[in-house]
Protein backbone atom coordinates (compact mmCIF):
# COMPACT_ATOMS: atom_id res chain seq x y z
CA UNK A 1 123.02 105.95 75.34
CA UNK A 2 122.81 103.30 72.65
CA UNK A 3 125.69 101.91 70.61
CA UNK A 4 125.16 99.99 67.39
CA UNK A 5 128.18 98.13 65.99
CA UNK A 6 128.75 97.25 62.34
CA UNK A 7 131.84 95.31 61.38
CA UNK A 8 133.12 95.95 57.89
CA UNK A 9 136.13 94.37 56.22
CA UNK A 10 138.76 96.85 57.43
CA UNK A 11 136.77 99.21 59.64
CA UNK A 12 134.32 99.05 62.52
CA UNK A 13 131.47 101.57 62.70
CA UNK A 14 130.00 102.47 66.07
CA UNK A 15 126.78 104.45 65.85
CA UNK A 16 126.37 106.30 69.13
CA UNK A 17 123.06 107.92 70.06
CA UNK A 18 121.66 109.57 73.16
CA UNK A 19 123.84 111.02 75.91
CA UNK A 20 127.47 110.23 76.69
CA UNK A 21 128.05 111.40 80.23
CA UNK A 22 129.65 110.16 83.46
CA UNK A 23 127.15 107.30 83.68
CA UNK A 24 127.46 106.08 80.08
CA UNK A 25 131.05 106.96 79.06
CA UNK A 26 132.41 103.72 80.62
CA UNK A 27 130.08 101.74 78.35
CA UNK A 28 131.45 103.55 75.26
CA UNK A 29 135.01 103.05 76.47
CA UNK A 30 134.35 99.34 77.07
CA UNK A 31 132.89 98.91 73.56
CA UNK A 32 135.95 100.53 71.98
CA UNK A 33 138.32 98.53 74.22
CA UNK A 34 136.67 95.28 73.13
CA UNK A 35 137.41 96.20 69.50
CA UNK A 36 141.02 96.97 70.37
CA UNK A 37 141.30 93.60 72.15
CA UNK A 38 140.21 91.95 68.88
CA UNK A 39 142.94 93.79 66.99
CA UNK A 40 140.46 96.23 65.42
CA UNK A 41 142.01 99.72 65.52
CA UNK A 42 140.21 101.48 62.65
CA UNK A 43 136.97 102.86 64.02
CA UNK A 44 134.41 105.30 62.69
CA UNK A 45 132.12 106.90 65.26
CA UNK A 46 128.82 107.87 63.65
CA UNK A 47 127.51 110.51 66.05
CA UNK A 48 124.39 111.58 64.14
CA UNK A 49 122.09 110.63 67.03
CA UNK A 50 124.30 112.04 69.79
CA UNK A 51 122.37 114.53 71.90
CA UNK A 52 124.93 115.37 74.59
CA UNK A 53 128.55 114.66 75.49
CA UNK A 54 130.20 115.62 78.77
CA UNK A 55 133.84 115.67 79.80
CA UNK A 56 133.98 111.92 80.68
CA UNK A 57 132.70 111.18 77.17
CA UNK A 58 135.28 113.48 75.61
CA UNK A 59 137.97 111.83 77.73
CA UNK A 60 136.89 108.39 76.46
CA UNK A 61 137.20 109.63 72.86
CA UNK A 62 140.65 111.15 73.30
CA UNK A 63 141.97 108.06 75.10
CA UNK A 64 140.62 105.85 72.32
CA UNK A 65 142.19 108.07 69.66
CA UNK A 66 145.59 107.88 71.34
CA UNK A 67 145.47 104.10 71.71
CA UNK A 68 144.27 103.60 68.12
CA UNK A 69 146.99 105.82 66.72
CA UNK A 70 149.67 104.03 68.75
CA UNK A 71 148.87 100.82 66.85
CA UNK A 72 150.73 100.38 63.57
CA UNK A 73 149.94 97.77 60.93
CA UNK A 74 152.77 98.94 58.68
CA UNK A 75 154.88 102.10 58.53
CA UNK A 76 152.20 103.64 56.31
CA UNK A 77 149.04 102.22 57.85
CA UNK A 78 147.84 102.42 61.40
CA UNK A 79 144.77 102.82 63.51
CA UNK A 80 142.61 105.86 64.08
CA UNK A 81 139.26 107.05 65.34
CA UNK A 82 137.31 109.05 62.74
CA UNK A 83 134.10 111.00 63.36
CA UNK A 84 131.09 111.03 61.02
CA UNK A 85 127.83 112.99 61.12
CA UNK A 86 128.72 115.31 63.98
CA UNK A 87 125.56 117.20 65.01
CA UNK A 88 125.92 121.02 65.10
CA UNK A 89 125.28 121.16 68.86
CA UNK A 90 128.03 118.60 69.52
CA UNK A 91 130.34 120.32 67.03
CA UNK A 92 130.13 123.43 69.22
CA UNK A 93 131.42 121.35 72.14
CA UNK A 94 134.21 119.95 69.96
CA UNK A 95 135.12 123.47 68.81
CA UNK A 96 135.20 124.84 72.38
CA UNK A 97 137.36 121.97 73.66
CA UNK A 98 139.75 121.86 70.69
CA UNK A 99 138.59 118.39 69.64
CA UNK A 100 137.73 119.59 66.13
CA UNK A 101 141.44 119.84 65.34
CA UNK A 102 142.23 116.43 66.87
CA UNK A 103 139.84 114.23 64.93
CA UNK A 104 139.31 113.73 61.22
CA UNK A 105 135.65 114.51 60.64
CA UNK A 106 133.37 113.59 57.77
CA UNK A 107 129.87 114.63 56.79
CA UNK A 108 128.79 111.03 56.22
CA UNK A 109 129.74 107.53 57.29
CA UNK A 110 130.63 106.33 53.78
CA UNK A 111 133.28 109.05 53.41
CA UNK A 112 134.69 108.28 56.87
CA UNK A 113 134.93 104.56 56.14
CA UNK A 114 136.48 105.27 52.74
CA UNK A 115 139.15 107.47 54.35
CA UNK A 116 140.83 104.35 55.73
């Protein structure tokens, strides 16, 4: 798995490629945690290059979503994890696990960043 990080003014974009499984999910979780520790709670995950995600990877995503949404900047604005460029094979996994309904998903990174 590879993670590329781009810091924008109000949003961080993590481009995740390869496989997120039991061996690599801790690395993804650590990357997201480091953003949270910096007070960065608006994150877009660009998953265009994601080839596989297993249950530890899904668990890392749902834990990150919960923590991001618990953070509030104001009553109207808070944190969130948004998904961009979800590959069809990974979308099937999201559909089967119910994750499609949990995350806001966008067909491109620009739309996901703009949603904040």
